[in-house]
Amino acid sequence: MPTLFRFVITLCILAALGYGAMLALVILVEPRTAEMSERIPPDRMNIQNQ
């Protein structure tokens, strides 16, 4: 039983560390917003039925 208890505690600690890392990313990292544009060649715009 002590081995199972130690295993469960280890899993809980790893889960708490993962949760803390995700929470830190949400709080500390600010996303950059920018407009995106992509040129489309004119030959792809003219779709002809065959």
C-alpha atoms as a PDB file:
ATOM      1  CA  MET A   1       0.000   0.000   0.000  1.00  0.00           C
ATOM      2  CA  PRO A   2       2.792   2.551   0.666  1.00  0.00           C
ATOM      3  CA  THR A   3       4.053   2.088  -2.899  1.00  0.00           C
ATOM      4  CA  LEU A   4       0.601   2.829  -4.339  1.00  0.00           C
ATOM      5  CA  PHE A   5       0.226   5.844  -2.041  1.00  0.00           C
ATOM      6  CA  ARG A   6       3.628   7.182  -3.132  1.00  0.00           C
ATOM      7  CA  PHE A   7       2.691   6.653  -6.795  1.00  0.00           C
ATOM      8  CA  VAL A   8      -0.597   8.554  -6.397  1.00  0.00           C
ATOM      9  CA  ILE A   9       1.125  11.400  -4.563  1.00  0.00           C
ATOM     10  CA  THR A  10       3.761  11.583  -7.328  1.00  0.00           C
ATOM     11  CA  LEU A  11       1.028  11.775  -9.978  1.00  0.00           C
ATOM     12  CA  CYS A  12      -0.746  14.523  -8.028  1.00  0.00           C
ATOM     13  CA  ILE A  13       2.461  16.533  -7.748  1.00  0.00           C
ATOM     14  CA  LEU A  14       3.139  16.174 -11.485  1.00  0.00           C
ATOM     15  CA  ALA A  15      -0.432  17.227 -12.276  1.00  0.00           C
ATOM     16  CA  ALA A  16      -0.092  20.264  -9.989  1.00  0.00           C
ATOM     17  CA  LEU A  17       3.174  21.248 -11.701  1.00  0.00           C
ATOM     18  CA  GLY A  18       1.545  20.943 -15.126  1.00  0.00           C
ATOM     19  CA  TYR A  19      -1.451  22.964 -13.999  1.00  0.00           C
ATOM     20  CA  GLY A  20       0.856  25.620 -12.530  1.00  0.00           C
ATOM     21  CA  ALA A  21       2.827  25.825 -15.782  1.00  0.00           C
ATOM     22  CA  MET A  22      -0.350  26.314 -17.802  1.00  0.00           C
ATOM     23  CA  LEU A  23      -1.595  28.943 -15.373  1.00  0.00           C
ATOM     24  CA  ALA A  24       1.737  30.780 -15.581  1.00  0.00           C
ATOM     25  CA  LEU A  25       1.531  30.764 -19.380  1.00  0.00           C
ATOM     26  CA  VAL A  26      -1.985  32.208 -19.281  1.00  0.00           C
ATOM     27  CA  ILE A  27      -1.029  34.970 -16.871  1.00  0.00           C
ATOM     28  CA  LEU A  28       2.472  35.896 -18.028  1.00  0.00           C
ATOM     29  CA  VAL A  29       2.405  35.471 -21.823  1.00  0.00           C
ATOM     30  CA  GLU A  30       0.661  38.185 -23.818  1.00  0.00           C
ATOM     31  CA  PRO A  31      -0.239  37.222 -27.396  1.00  0.00           C
ATOM     32  CA  ARG A  32       0.806  39.507 -30.245  1.00  0.00           C
ATOM     33  CA  THR A  33      -1.983  40.483 -32.618  1.00  0.00           C
ATOM     34  CA  ALA A  34      -1.236  41.511 -36.183  1.00  0.00           C
ATOM     35  CA  GLU A  35      -3.066  41.621 -39.463  1.00  0.00           C
ATOM     36  CA  MET A  36      -2.266  38.851 -41.871  1.00  0.00           C
ATOM     37  CA  SER A  37      -2.492  38.981 -45.636  1.00  0.00           C
ATOM     38  CA  GLU A  38      -1.594  36.463 -48.281  1.00  0.00           C
ATOM     39  CA  ARG A  39      -1.294  37.091 -51.990  1.00  0.00           C
ATOM     40  CA  ILE A  40      -3.308  34.775 -54.201  1.00  0.00           C
ATOM     41  CA  PRO A  41      -2.175  34.435 -57.809  1.00  0.00           C
ATOM     42  CA  PRO A  42      -4.775  35.661 -60.330  1.00  0.00           C
ATOM     43  CA  ASP A  43      -4.851  32.305 -62.120  1.00  0.00           C
ATOM     44  CA  ARG A  44      -6.218  30.668 -58.969  1.00  0.00           C
ATOM     45  CA  MET A  45      -9.031  33.225 -58.787  1.00  0.00           C
ATOM     46  CA  ASN A  46     -10.475  32.357 -62.218  1.00  0.00           C
ATOM     47  CA  ILE A  47     -11.942  28.906 -61.675  1.00  0.00           C
ATOM     48  CA  GLN A  48     -13.449  27.566 -64.882  1.00  0.00           C
ATOM     49  CA  ASN A  49     -15.846  24.637 -65.057  1.00  0.00           C
ATOM     50  CA  GLN A  50     -14.588  21.883 -67.286  1.00  0.00           C
END
